[in-house]
Amino acid sequence: VKSQEAYWVAQFEGGVPDLSLPYDFPRPPVRHFEGRVNTFEIGADMTTRLKQMAVKRNASLYMVLLTIYFVLLYKLTGQEDIVVGTSVAGRRHNDLNKVTGLFFHTLALRNYPSGDLPFEAFLETVKQRFFDAYENQDYPFDQLVELLMKKNIIRKEAGRHALFDTMFSWQNFNIPQLDTRTIRLKPFPFEQRTAKFDLFPMA
């Protein structure tokens, strides 16, 4: 655990950058949770090209999409130091594979996009930094936040999250339609009007 603690402290010991997205209103002093969901699909051709990129660079589709998201944030903000939150399954021990329940861990991924860096080179960087973070995922996120506050690396603000204001989630599962002899169940879309983060794309 101490080695994982040292890894995470090293990631943020120089301070944590605030993400300055181009909002159309001043950031409120106290964070609120009003928001909405926008859903869209990409075509089969684009999906195929993204998968080909993943295979070519020995990466997962998640890695490619995460890299694209960092590039998008760079283009929106012009910042070359960005932290994005993501979640992992948290089932690294074999004894947990058949246990019912959520074991999600939150990882704060820090990357350094640049206009001078080719996309494929940046993808390699994002991939390696994710693997490093994944190997150190057992250190509790809330404990990391408390430690960084104690070291005066970050401060508590009512209008922001502690380490990041945006997350990226990869949900590689579908909810199937269930048919029985007497009843049919299927997902029901509903309008969500809350948001936990400034941006939270879920692929």
N, C-alpha and C. Protein backbone atom coordinates (compact mmCIF):
# COMPACT_ATOMS: atom_id res chain seq x y z
N VAL A 1 0.83 -1.20 0.00
CA VAL A 1 0.00 0.00 0.00
C VAL A 1 0.87 1.26 0.00
N LYS A 2 1.98 1.22 0.71
CA LYS A 2 2.86 2.39 0.77
C LYS A 2 3.43 2.73 -0.59
N SER A 3 3.75 1.70 -1.38
CA SER A 3 4.27 1.96 -2.72
C SER A 3 3.21 2.59 -3.60
N GLN A 4 1.95 2.15 -3.45
CA GLN A 4 0.87 2.74 -4.22
C GLN A 4 0.59 4.16 -3.76
N GLU A 5 0.68 4.40 -2.49
CA GLU A 5 0.52 5.76 -1.97
C GLU A 5 1.57 6.68 -2.56
N ALA A 6 2.83 6.21 -2.61
CA ALA A 6 3.91 7.01 -3.16
C ALA A 6 3.68 7.30 -4.64
N TYR A 7 3.14 6.32 -5.37
CA TYR A 7 2.85 6.52 -6.79
C TYR A 7 1.85 7.67 -6.97
N TRP A 8 0.75 7.64 -6.21
CA TRP A 8 -0.31 8.64 -6.40
C TRP A 8 0.14 10.02 -5.93
N VAL A 9 0.89 10.08 -4.86
CA VAL A 9 1.40 11.37 -4.40
C VAL A 9 2.31 11.98 -5.46
N ALA A 10 3.13 11.13 -6.08
CA ALA A 10 4.04 11.62 -7.12
C ALA A 10 3.27 12.17 -8.32
N GLN A 11 2.09 11.62 -8.60
CA GLN A 11 1.29 12.10 -9.73
C GLN A 11 0.80 13.53 -9.52
N PHE A 12 0.62 13.93 -8.25
CA PHE A 12 -0.04 15.20 -7.99
C PHE A 12 0.76 16.13 -7.07
N GLU A 13 1.98 15.76 -6.75
CA GLU A 13 2.72 16.58 -5.78
C GLU A 13 3.03 17.99 -6.32
N GLY A 14 3.00 18.17 -7.62
CA GLY A 14 3.23 19.50 -8.18
C GLY A 14 1.99 20.37 -8.23
N GLY A 15 0.89 19.88 -7.67
CA GLY A 15 -0.37 20.62 -7.74
C GLY A 15 -1.30 20.00 -8.77
N VAL A 16 -2.56 20.35 -8.69
CA VAL A 16 -3.57 19.79 -9.60
C VAL A 16 -4.18 20.92 -10.41
N PRO A 17 -4.16 20.83 -11.74
CA PRO A 17 -4.71 21.91 -12.56
C PRO A 17 -6.23 21.93 -12.54
N ASP A 18 -6.81 23.12 -12.50
CA ASP A 18 -8.25 23.28 -12.66
C ASP A 18 -8.57 23.27 -14.15
N LEU A 19 -9.59 22.53 -14.53
CA LEU A 19 -9.99 22.47 -15.93
C LEU A 19 -10.87 23.67 -16.25
N SER A 20 -10.45 24.46 -17.22
CA SER A 20 -11.17 25.70 -17.56
C SER A 20 -11.95 25.53 -18.85
N LEU A 21 -13.07 24.84 -18.76
CA LEU A 21 -13.93 24.65 -19.92
C LEU A 21 -14.61 25.97 -20.28
N PRO A 22 -14.96 26.17 -21.54
CA PRO A 22 -15.59 27.43 -21.98
C PRO A 22 -17.08 27.46 -21.62
N TYR A 23 -17.36 27.71 -20.34
CA TYR A 23 -18.74 27.76 -19.89
C TYR A 23 -19.44 29.00 -20.45
N ASP A 24 -20.76 28.92 -20.55
CA ASP A 24 -21.53 30.07 -21.00
C ASP A 24 -22.11 30.84 -19.82
N PHE A 25 -21.61 30.56 -18.61
CA PHE A 25 -22.03 31.29 -17.41
C PHE A 25 -20.91 31.13 -16.38
N PRO A 26 -20.82 32.04 -15.43
CA PRO A 26 -19.79 31.93 -14.40
C PRO A 26 -19.99 30.68 -13.56
N ARG A 27 -18.87 30.05 -13.19
CA ARG A 27 -18.97 28.89 -12.31
C ARG A 27 -19.53 29.32 -10.97
N PRO A 28 -20.58 28.67 -10.48
CA PRO A 28 -21.16 29.06 -9.18
C PRO A 28 -20.20 28.73 -8.04
N PRO A 29 -20.23 29.52 -6.98
CA PRO A 29 -19.33 29.27 -5.85
C PRO A 29 -19.60 27.95 -5.15
N VAL A 30 -20.85 27.48 -5.23
CA VAL A 30 -21.22 26.19 -4.65
C VAL A 30 -21.71 25.29 -5.78
N ARG A 31 -21.16 24.09 -5.85
CA ARG A 31 -21.49 23.17 -6.93
C ARG A 31 -22.96 22.77 -6.86
N HIS A 32 -23.62 22.81 -8.02
CA HIS A 32 -24.99 22.32 -8.11
C HIS A 32 -25.01 21.12 -9.05
N PHE A 33 -26.12 20.46 -9.15
CA PHE A 33 -26.17 19.20 -9.87
C PHE A 33 -27.20 19.20 -10.99
N GLU A 34 -27.54 20.37 -11.49
CA GLU A 34 -28.46 20.45 -12.62
C GLU A 34 -27.71 20.08 -13.90
N GLY A 35 -28.35 19.30 -14.74
CA GLY A 35 -27.71 18.90 -15.98
C GLY A 35 -28.67 18.13 -16.86
N ARG A 36 -28.14 17.58 -17.91
CA ARG A 36 -28.95 16.76 -18.80
C ARG A 36 -28.04 15.84 -19.60
N VAL A 37 -28.66 14.87 -20.23
CA VAL A 37 -27.92 13.88 -21.01
C VAL A 37 -28.19 14.08 -22.49
N ASN A 38 -27.14 14.11 -23.29
CA ASN A 38 -27.26 14.13 -24.74
C ASN A 38 -26.74 12.81 -25.29
N THR A 39 -27.57 12.12 -26.04
CA THR A 39 -27.20 10.81 -26.57
C THR A 39 -26.99 10.89 -28.07
N PHE A 40 -25.92 10.25 -28.55
CA PHE A 40 -25.69 10.19 -29.99
C PHE A 40 -24.97 8.89 -30.32
N GLU A 41 -25.03 8.53 -31.58
CA GLU A 41 -24.37 7.31 -32.06
C GLU A 41 -23.41 7.67 -33.18
N ILE A 42 -22.32 6.94 -33.27
CA ILE A 42 -21.42 7.08 -34.41
C ILE A 42 -21.70 5.95 -35.38
N GLY A 43 -21.43 6.20 -36.65
CA GLY A 43 -21.75 5.23 -37.68
C GLY A 43 -20.85 4.01 -37.68
N ALA A 44 -21.26 3.00 -38.44
CA ALA A 44 -20.51 1.75 -38.53
C ALA A 44 -19.11 1.98 -39.10
N ASP A 45 -19.00 2.89 -40.07
CA ASP A 45 -17.70 3.15 -40.69
C ASP A 45 -16.71 3.74 -39.69
N MET A 46 -17.17 4.71 -38.91
CA MET A 46 -16.30 5.31 -37.91
C MET A 46 -15.93 4.30 -36.82
N THR A 47 -16.89 3.48 -36.42
CA THR A 47 -16.61 2.45 -35.42
C THR A 47 -15.54 1.49 -35.91
N THR A 48 -15.65 1.09 -37.17
CA THR A 48 -14.64 0.19 -37.76
C THR A 48 -13.26 0.83 -37.77
N ARG A 49 -13.20 2.11 -38.11
CA ARG A 49 -11.91 2.80 -38.15
C ARG A 49 -11.30 2.93 -36.76
N LEU A 50 -12.14 3.18 -35.76
CA LEU A 50 -11.64 3.27 -34.39
C LEU A 50 -11.10 1.91 -33.92
N LYS A 51 -11.81 0.84 -34.26
CA LYS A 51 -11.35 -0.49 -33.89
C LYS A 51 -10.05 -0.84 -34.60
N GLN A 52 -9.93 -0.42 -35.84
CA GLN A 52 -8.68 -0.66 -36.58
C GLN A 52 -7.52 0.08 -35.94
N MET A 53 -7.77 1.31 -35.51
CA MET A 53 -6.74 2.07 -34.81
C MET A 53 -6.31 1.34 -33.53
N ALA A 54 -7.29 0.81 -32.80
CA ALA A 54 -6.98 0.09 -31.56
C ALA A 54 -6.11 -1.13 -31.84
N VAL A 55 -6.46 -1.89 -32.87
CA VAL A 55 -5.69 -3.09 -33.21
C VAL A 55 -4.28 -2.70 -33.66
N LYS A 56 -4.19 -1.67 -34.47
CA LYS A 56 -2.89 -1.22 -34.99
C LYS A 56 -1.95 -0.81 -33.88
N ARG A 57 -2.47 -0.18 -32.84
CA ARG A 57 -1.63 0.33 -31.75
C ARG A 57 -1.63 -0.59 -30.54
N ASN A 58 -2.16 -1.81 -30.71
CA ASN A 58 -2.20 -2.79 -29.61
C ASN A 58 -2.86 -2.19 -28.37
N ALA A 59 -4.00 -1.56 -28.61
CA ALA A 59 -4.74 -0.89 -27.54
C ALA A 59 -6.20 -1.35 -27.58
N SER A 60 -6.91 -1.09 -26.52
CA SER A 60 -8.35 -1.38 -26.50
C SER A 60 -9.10 -0.19 -27.10
N LEU A 61 -10.36 -0.43 -27.44
CA LEU A 61 -11.20 0.65 -27.95
C LEU A 61 -11.37 1.71 -26.86
N TYR A 62 -11.43 1.28 -25.61
CA TYR A 62 -11.51 2.22 -24.49
C TYR A 62 -10.33 3.18 -24.51
N MET A 63 -9.13 2.66 -24.74
CA MET A 63 -7.93 3.51 -24.74
C MET A 63 -8.00 4.56 -25.85
N VAL A 64 -8.48 4.14 -27.02
CA VAL A 64 -8.58 5.07 -28.15
C VAL A 64 -9.59 6.18 -27.82
N LEU A 65 -10.75 5.79 -27.29
CA LEU A 65 -11.78 6.78 -26.98
C LEU A 65 -11.34 7.71 -25.84
N LEU A 66 -10.63 7.16 -24.86
CA LEU A 66 -10.12 7.99 -23.76
C LEU A 66 -9.12 9.02 -24.30
N THR A 67 -8.27 8.59 -25.21
CA THR A 67 -7.30 9.51 -25.82
C THR A 67 -8.01 10.60 -26.60
N ILE A 68 -9.04 10.24 -27.35
CA ILE A 68 -9.83 11.22 -28.09
C ILE A 68 -10.46 12.22 -27.13
N TYR A 69 -10.91 11.75 -25.98
CA TYR A 69 -11.53 12.64 -25.01
C TYR A 69 -10.51 13.64 -24.45
N PHE A 70 -9.31 13.18 -24.18
CA PHE A 70 -8.26 14.11 -23.73
C PHE A 70 -7.98 15.15 -24.82
N VAL A 71 -7.95 14.72 -26.06
CA VAL A 71 -7.70 15.66 -27.16
C VAL A 71 -8.83 16.68 -27.25
N LEU A 72 -10.07 16.23 -27.09
CA LEU A 72 -11.21 17.14 -27.10
C LEU A 72 -11.08 18.19 -26.00
N LEU A 73 -10.74 17.74 -24.79
CA LEU A 73 -10.59 18.69 -23.68
C LEU A 73 -9.45 19.67 -23.95
N TYR A 74 -8.39 19.18 -24.57
CA TYR A 74 -7.28 20.07 -24.93
C TYR A 74 -7.74 21.13 -25.92
N LYS A 75 -8.52 20.72 -26.92
CA LYS A 75 -9.00 21.67 -27.92
C LYS A 75 -9.99 22.68 -27.32
N LEU A 76 -10.77 22.24 -26.34
CA LEU A 76 -11.74 23.13 -25.71
C LEU A 76 -11.08 24.13 -24.76
N THR A 77 -10.00 23.71 -24.12
CA THR A 77 -9.40 24.54 -23.07
C THR A 77 -8.04 25.11 -23.42
N GLY A 78 -7.32 24.46 -24.34
CA GLY A 78 -5.95 24.87 -24.64
C GLY A 78 -4.96 24.44 -23.56
N GLN A 79 -5.42 23.67 -22.58
CA GLN A 79 -4.55 23.24 -21.48
C GLN A 79 -3.76 22.00 -21.85
N GLU A 80 -2.52 21.95 -21.42
CA GLU A 80 -1.64 20.82 -21.71
C GLU A 80 -1.37 19.98 -20.47
N ASP A 81 -2.19 20.14 -19.47
CA ASP A 81 -2.10 19.35 -18.25
C ASP A 81 -3.53 19.14 -17.77
N ILE A 82 -4.06 17.91 -17.95
CA ILE A 82 -5.47 17.64 -17.72
C ILE A 82 -5.63 16.37 -16.90
N VAL A 83 -6.53 16.42 -15.93
CA VAL A 83 -6.85 15.25 -15.11
C VAL A 83 -8.29 14.84 -15.39
N VAL A 84 -8.48 13.56 -15.69
CA VAL A 84 -9.80 13.00 -15.97
C VAL A 84 -10.01 11.81 -15.04
N GLY A 85 -11.19 11.71 -14.47
CA GLY A 85 -11.51 10.56 -13.65
C GLY A 85 -12.07 9.43 -14.49
N THR A 86 -11.82 8.21 -14.05
CA THR A 86 -12.41 7.04 -14.70
C THR A 86 -12.60 5.97 -13.64
N SER A 87 -13.40 4.98 -13.95
CA SER A 87 -13.64 3.91 -12.97
C SER A 87 -13.22 2.57 -13.55
N VAL A 88 -12.76 1.69 -12.67
CA VAL A 88 -12.37 0.33 -13.05
C VAL A 88 -13.13 -0.65 -12.17
N ALA A 89 -13.20 -1.89 -12.61
CA ALA A 89 -14.08 -2.87 -11.98
C ALA A 89 -13.69 -3.20 -10.55
N GLY A 90 -12.40 -3.15 -10.23
CA GLY A 90 -11.97 -3.42 -8.86
C GLY A 90 -12.08 -4.88 -8.45
N ARG A 91 -12.00 -5.78 -9.39
CA ARG A 91 -12.10 -7.22 -9.09
C ARG A 91 -10.80 -7.93 -9.45
N ARG A 92 -9.69 -7.43 -8.96
CA ARG A 92 -8.41 -8.00 -9.33
C ARG A 92 -8.13 -9.33 -8.63
N HIS A 93 -8.79 -9.58 -7.52
CA HIS A 93 -8.57 -10.83 -6.80
C HIS A 93 -9.58 -11.87 -7.29
N ASN A 94 -9.10 -13.10 -7.55
CA ASN A 94 -9.97 -14.15 -8.10
C ASN A 94 -11.16 -14.45 -7.21
N ASP A 95 -11.01 -14.26 -5.90
CA ASP A 95 -12.11 -14.56 -4.98
C ASP A 95 -13.30 -13.64 -5.18
N LEU A 96 -13.10 -12.51 -5.85
CA LEU A 96 -14.17 -11.54 -6.05
C LEU A 96 -14.94 -11.75 -7.35
N ASN A 97 -14.47 -12.65 -8.21
CA ASN A 97 -15.07 -12.80 -9.53
C ASN A 97 -16.54 -13.22 -9.49
N LYS A 98 -16.93 -14.02 -8.49
CA LYS A 98 -18.30 -14.51 -8.42
C LYS A 98 -19.10 -13.86 -7.30
N VAL A 99 -18.56 -12.79 -6.74
CA VAL A 99 -19.26 -12.09 -5.66
C VAL A 99 -20.17 -11.01 -6.24
N THR A 100 -21.42 -10.99 -5.83
CA THR A 100 -22.37 -10.00 -6.31
C THR A 100 -22.11 -8.66 -5.65
N GLY A 101 -22.20 -7.59 -6.43
CA GLY A 101 -22.03 -6.25 -5.88
C GLY A 101 -21.06 -5.41 -6.68
N LEU A 102 -20.95 -4.14 -6.31
CA LEU A 102 -20.06 -3.20 -6.99
C LEU A 102 -18.73 -3.11 -6.26
N PHE A 103 -17.66 -3.17 -7.03
CA PHE A 103 -16.32 -3.02 -6.47
C PHE A 103 -15.55 -1.94 -7.22
N PHE A 104 -16.27 -0.97 -7.80
CA PHE A 104 -15.63 0.05 -8.62
C PHE A 104 -14.59 0.83 -7.83
N HIS A 105 -13.48 1.09 -8.50
CA HIS A 105 -12.47 1.99 -7.98
C HIS A 105 -12.38 3.19 -8.91
N THR A 106 -12.12 4.35 -8.34
CA THR A 106 -11.96 5.57 -9.13
C THR A 106 -10.49 5.87 -9.32
N LEU A 107 -10.10 6.13 -10.56
CA LEU A 107 -8.72 6.50 -10.88
C LEU A 107 -8.70 7.92 -11.42
N ALA A 108 -7.74 8.70 -10.99
CA ALA A 108 -7.53 10.05 -11.52
C ALA A 108 -6.38 10.00 -12.50
N LEU A 109 -6.68 10.12 -13.78
CA LEU A 109 -5.67 9.96 -14.84
C LEU A 109 -5.18 11.34 -15.29
N ARG A 110 -3.89 11.55 -15.17
CA ARG A 110 -3.29 12.83 -15.56
C ARG A 110 -2.50 12.64 -16.85
N ASN A 111 -2.79 13.48 -17.84
CA ASN A 111 -2.08 13.40 -19.12
C ASN A 111 -1.76 14.80 -19.62
N TYR A 112 -0.85 14.82 -20.59
CA TYR A 112 -0.30 16.09 -21.07
C TYR A 112 -0.43 16.20 -22.59
N PRO A 113 -1.63 16.48 -23.09
CA PRO A 113 -1.82 16.63 -24.54
C PRO A 113 -1.11 17.87 -25.05
N SER A 114 -0.76 17.82 -26.32
CA SER A 114 -0.06 18.95 -26.94
C SER A 114 -0.36 18.97 -28.42
N GLY A 115 -0.44 20.15 -28.97
CA GLY A 115 -0.68 20.29 -30.40
C GLY A 115 0.48 19.79 -31.24
N ASP A 116 1.66 19.67 -30.64
CA ASP A 116 2.84 19.19 -31.36
C ASP A 116 2.99 17.68 -31.30
N LEU A 117 2.13 17.01 -30.54
CA LEU A 117 2.27 15.57 -30.34
C LEU A 117 1.31 14.82 -31.26
N PRO A 118 1.83 13.95 -32.14
CA PRO A 118 0.94 13.17 -33.02
C PRO A 118 -0.02 12.31 -32.19
N PHE A 119 -1.20 12.07 -32.75
CA PHE A 119 -2.23 11.35 -32.00
C PHE A 119 -1.74 9.98 -31.57
N GLU A 120 -1.12 9.23 -32.45
CA GLU A 120 -0.71 7.87 -32.11
C GLU A 120 0.34 7.87 -31.01
N ALA A 121 1.22 8.87 -31.00
CA ALA A 121 2.21 8.97 -29.93
C ALA A 121 1.53 9.29 -28.61
N PHE A 122 0.52 10.17 -28.65
CA PHE A 122 -0.21 10.51 -27.44
C PHE A 122 -0.99 9.31 -26.94
N LEU A 123 -1.54 8.51 -27.85
CA LEU A 123 -2.26 7.29 -27.47
C LEU A 123 -1.33 6.36 -26.69
N GLU A 124 -0.10 6.22 -27.12
CA GLU A 124 0.85 5.37 -26.41
C GLU A 124 1.09 5.89 -24.99
N THR A 125 1.17 7.20 -24.85
CA THR A 125 1.37 7.81 -23.53
C THR A 125 0.17 7.56 -22.63
N VAL A 126 -1.04 7.80 -23.16
CA VAL A 126 -2.27 7.59 -22.39
C VAL A 126 -2.37 6.13 -21.97
N LYS A 127 -2.04 5.23 -22.87
CA LYS A 127 -2.12 3.80 -22.58
C LYS A 127 -1.18 3.43 -21.44
N GLN A 128 0.06 3.89 -21.51
CA GLN A 128 1.03 3.54 -20.47
C GLN A 128 0.66 4.14 -19.13
N ARG A 129 0.19 5.37 -19.14
CA ARG A 129 -0.18 6.02 -17.87
C ARG A 129 -1.42 5.36 -17.27
N PHE A 130 -2.32 4.87 -18.11
CA PHE A 130 -3.47 4.14 -17.58
C PHE A 130 -3.02 2.84 -16.94
N PHE A 131 -2.14 2.11 -17.60
CA PHE A 131 -1.66 0.85 -17.03
C PHE A 131 -0.96 1.07 -15.69
N ASP A 132 -0.18 2.15 -15.61
CA ASP A 132 0.48 2.47 -14.34
C ASP A 132 -0.55 2.74 -13.25
N ALA A 133 -1.57 3.53 -13.59
CA ALA A 133 -2.62 3.83 -12.61
C ALA A 133 -3.39 2.57 -12.23
N TYR A 134 -3.65 1.73 -13.22
CA TYR A 134 -4.40 0.49 -12.97
C TYR A 134 -3.65 -0.42 -12.00
N GLU A 135 -2.35 -0.48 -12.14
CA GLU A 135 -1.54 -1.31 -11.25
C GLU A 135 -1.53 -0.77 -9.82
N ASN A 136 -1.91 0.49 -9.65
CA ASN A 136 -1.93 1.12 -8.32
C ASN A 136 -3.34 1.47 -7.88
N GLN A 137 -4.31 0.73 -8.39
CA GLN A 137 -5.72 1.06 -8.14
C GLN A 137 -6.19 0.69 -6.75
N ASP A 138 -5.43 -0.10 -6.01
CA ASP A 138 -5.90 -0.57 -4.71
C ASP A 138 -5.85 0.51 -3.63
N TYR A 139 -5.16 1.61 -3.91
CA TYR A 139 -5.12 2.68 -2.93
C TYR A 139 -6.44 3.45 -3.00
N PRO A 140 -7.20 3.54 -1.91
CA PRO A 140 -8.54 4.15 -1.95
C PRO A 140 -8.51 5.61 -2.41
N PHE A 141 -9.44 5.95 -3.30
CA PHE A 141 -9.48 7.30 -3.85
C PHE A 141 -9.76 8.33 -2.76
N ASP A 142 -10.71 8.07 -1.88
CA ASP A 142 -11.03 9.04 -0.84
C ASP A 142 -9.86 9.25 0.12
N GLN A 143 -9.08 8.18 0.33
CA GLN A 143 -7.90 8.30 1.17
C GLN A 143 -6.84 9.15 0.48
N LEU A 144 -6.74 9.02 -0.83
CA LEU A 144 -5.80 9.85 -1.60
C LEU A 144 -6.18 11.32 -1.49
N VAL A 145 -7.45 11.63 -1.63
CA VAL A 145 -7.91 13.02 -1.52
C VAL A 145 -7.57 13.58 -0.14
N GLU A 146 -7.84 12.81 0.91
CA GLU A 146 -7.53 13.27 2.26
C GLU A 146 -6.03 13.51 2.44
N LEU A 147 -5.22 12.61 1.88
CA LEU A 147 -3.77 12.75 2.00
C LEU A 147 -3.27 13.99 1.28
N LEU A 148 -3.77 14.23 0.07
CA LEU A 148 -3.34 15.40 -0.70
C LEU A 148 -3.78 16.70 -0.02
N MET A 149 -4.94 16.67 0.62
CA MET A 149 -5.37 17.85 1.37
C MET A 149 -4.46 18.07 2.58
N LYS A 150 -4.10 16.99 3.26
CA LYS A 150 -3.24 17.10 4.43
C LYS A 150 -1.88 17.67 4.04
N LYS A 151 -1.40 17.33 2.82
CA LYS A 151 -0.12 17.82 2.34
C LYS A 151 -0.24 19.19 1.69
N ASN A 152 -1.45 19.77 1.70
CA ASN A 152 -1.72 21.08 1.09
C ASN A 152 -1.45 21.10 -0.42
N ILE A 153 -1.59 19.94 -1.04
CA ILE A 153 -1.45 19.86 -2.49
C ILE A 153 -2.75 20.28 -3.17
N ILE A 154 -3.86 19.93 -2.57
CA ILE A 154 -5.17 20.36 -3.06
C ILE A 154 -5.92 21.00 -1.90
N ARG A 155 -6.96 21.74 -2.23
CA ARG A 155 -7.79 22.36 -1.20
C ARG A 155 -9.25 22.05 -1.51
N LYS A 156 -10.02 22.08 -0.48
CA LYS A 156 -11.44 21.79 -0.64
C LYS A 156 -12.17 23.04 -1.13
N GLU A 157 -12.91 22.90 -2.23
CA GLU A 157 -13.69 24.00 -2.79
C GLU A 157 -15.13 23.55 -2.96
N ALA A 158 -16.06 24.39 -2.57
CA ALA A 158 -17.47 24.03 -2.67
C ALA A 158 -17.95 23.94 -4.12
N GLY A 159 -17.24 24.61 -5.04
CA GLY A 159 -17.69 24.64 -6.42
C GLY A 159 -17.00 23.65 -7.34
N ARG A 160 -16.08 22.83 -6.79
CA ARG A 160 -15.33 21.89 -7.63
C ARG A 160 -15.16 20.56 -6.92
N HIS A 161 -14.90 19.53 -7.72
CA HIS A 161 -14.46 18.26 -7.17
C HIS A 161 -13.00 18.39 -6.76
N ALA A 162 -12.54 17.44 -5.98
CA ALA A 162 -11.20 17.55 -5.41
C ALA A 162 -10.08 17.43 -6.44
N LEU A 163 -10.16 16.44 -7.34
CA LEU A 163 -9.05 16.18 -8.27
C LEU A 163 -9.42 16.41 -9.73
N PHE A 164 -10.68 16.29 -10.07
CA PHE A 164 -11.08 16.44 -11.47
C PHE A 164 -12.53 16.88 -11.54
N ASP A 165 -12.87 17.56 -12.62
CA ASP A 165 -14.24 18.03 -12.85
C ASP A 165 -14.94 17.28 -13.98
N THR A 166 -14.25 16.30 -14.54
CA THR A 166 -14.83 15.54 -15.64
C THR A 166 -14.39 14.09 -15.55
N MET A 167 -15.28 13.19 -15.93
CA MET A 167 -14.98 11.76 -15.92
C MET A 167 -15.21 11.17 -17.30
N PHE A 168 -14.68 9.96 -17.48
CA PHE A 168 -14.91 9.21 -18.71
C PHE A 168 -15.23 7.78 -18.30
N SER A 169 -16.32 7.23 -18.84
CA SER A 169 -16.74 5.89 -18.45
C SER A 169 -16.93 5.01 -19.67
N TRP A 170 -16.45 3.78 -19.56
CA TRP A 170 -16.61 2.80 -20.64
C TRP A 170 -17.56 1.73 -20.14
N GLN A 171 -18.75 1.67 -20.72
CA GLN A 171 -19.76 0.70 -20.30
C GLN A 171 -19.96 -0.32 -21.41
N ASN A 172 -19.15 -1.36 -21.38
CA ASN A 172 -19.19 -2.35 -22.45
C ASN A 172 -20.17 -3.47 -22.13
N PHE A 173 -21.41 -3.08 -21.93
CA PHE A 173 -22.47 -4.07 -21.72
C PHE A 173 -23.78 -3.50 -22.23
N ASN A 174 -24.70 -4.39 -22.57
CA ASN A 174 -26.02 -3.99 -23.03
C ASN A 174 -27.08 -4.58 -22.10
N ILE A 175 -28.19 -3.89 -21.98
CA ILE A 175 -29.32 -4.41 -21.21
C ILE A 175 -30.29 -5.05 -22.19
N PRO A 176 -30.36 -6.37 -22.22
CA PRO A 176 -31.20 -7.03 -23.23
C PRO A 176 -32.69 -6.93 -22.91
N GLN A 177 -33.48 -7.10 -23.94
CA GLN A 177 -34.93 -7.19 -23.73
C GLN A 177 -35.25 -8.59 -23.23
N LEU A 178 -36.07 -8.69 -22.20
CA LEU A 178 -36.40 -9.97 -21.58
C LEU A 178 -37.83 -10.35 -21.90
N ASP A 179 -38.00 -11.51 -22.50
CA ASP A 179 -39.33 -12.00 -22.85
C ASP A 179 -39.63 -13.28 -22.09
N THR A 180 -40.80 -13.36 -21.49
CA THR A 180 -41.29 -14.60 -20.89
C THR A 180 -42.65 -14.92 -21.53
N ARG A 181 -43.29 -15.94 -21.06
CA ARG A 181 -44.58 -16.32 -21.65
C ARG A 181 -45.67 -15.31 -21.29
N THR A 182 -45.53 -14.63 -20.17
CA THR A 182 -46.61 -13.76 -19.71
C THR A 182 -46.22 -12.29 -19.64
N ILE A 183 -44.95 -11.96 -19.72
CA ILE A 183 -44.54 -10.57 -19.54
C ILE A 183 -43.33 -10.27 -20.41
N ARG A 184 -43.24 -9.04 -20.85
CA ARG A 184 -42.10 -8.59 -21.65
C ARG A 184 -41.48 -7.38 -20.97
N LEU A 185 -40.20 -7.43 -20.74
CA LEU A 185 -39.46 -6.34 -20.10
C LEU A 185 -38.43 -5.79 -21.06
N LYS A 186 -38.33 -4.48 -21.12
CA LYS A 186 -37.31 -3.85 -21.94
C LYS A 186 -36.89 -2.53 -21.29
N PRO A 187 -35.70 -2.04 -21.61
CA PRO A 187 -35.24 -0.78 -21.01
C PRO A 187 -36.18 0.36 -21.37
N PHE A 188 -36.39 1.26 -20.42
CA PHE A 188 -37.26 2.41 -20.63
C PHE A 188 -36.41 3.68 -20.55
N PRO A 189 -36.28 4.41 -21.64
CA PRO A 189 -35.48 5.64 -21.61
C PRO A 189 -36.18 6.73 -20.81
N PHE A 190 -35.41 7.48 -20.04
CA PHE A 190 -35.97 8.58 -19.28
C PHE A 190 -35.01 9.76 -19.33
N GLU A 191 -35.54 10.93 -19.14
CA GLU A 191 -34.74 12.14 -19.22
C GLU A 191 -34.08 12.40 -17.87
N GLN A 192 -32.77 12.42 -17.88
CA GLN A 192 -32.01 12.67 -16.65
C GLN A 192 -31.65 14.14 -16.58
N ARG A 193 -31.95 14.77 -15.45
CA ARG A 193 -31.74 16.20 -15.30
C ARG A 193 -30.70 16.53 -14.22
N THR A 194 -29.85 15.58 -13.94
CA THR A 194 -28.79 15.82 -12.96
C THR A 194 -27.44 15.51 -13.58
N ALA A 195 -26.39 16.10 -13.02
CA ALA A 195 -25.03 15.87 -13.49
C ALA A 195 -24.08 15.96 -12.31
N LYS A 196 -23.24 14.95 -12.15
CA LYS A 196 -22.28 14.94 -11.05
C LYS A 196 -20.99 15.67 -11.41
N PHE A 197 -20.74 15.81 -12.73
CA PHE A 197 -19.50 16.43 -13.19
C PHE A 197 -19.80 17.43 -14.30
N ASP A 198 -18.81 18.25 -14.64
CA ASP A 198 -18.99 19.22 -15.71
C ASP A 198 -19.27 18.50 -17.03
N LEU A 199 -18.50 17.45 -17.28
CA LEU A 199 -18.72 16.58 -18.45
C LEU A 199 -18.52 15.14 -17.98
N PHE A 200 -19.35 14.24 -18.48
CA PHE A 200 -19.23 12.83 -18.08
C PHE A 200 -19.65 11.95 -19.25
N PRO A 201 -18.80 11.84 -20.29
CA PRO A 201 -19.17 10.96 -21.42
C PRO A 201 -19.10 9.50 -21.03
N MET A 202 -20.11 8.75 -21.47
CA MET A 202 -20.15 7.31 -21.23
C MET A 202 -20.27 6.62 -22.58
N ALA A 203 -19.27 5.83 -22.90
CA ALA A 203 -19.24 5.16 -24.20
C ALA A 203 -19.76 3.74 -24.06
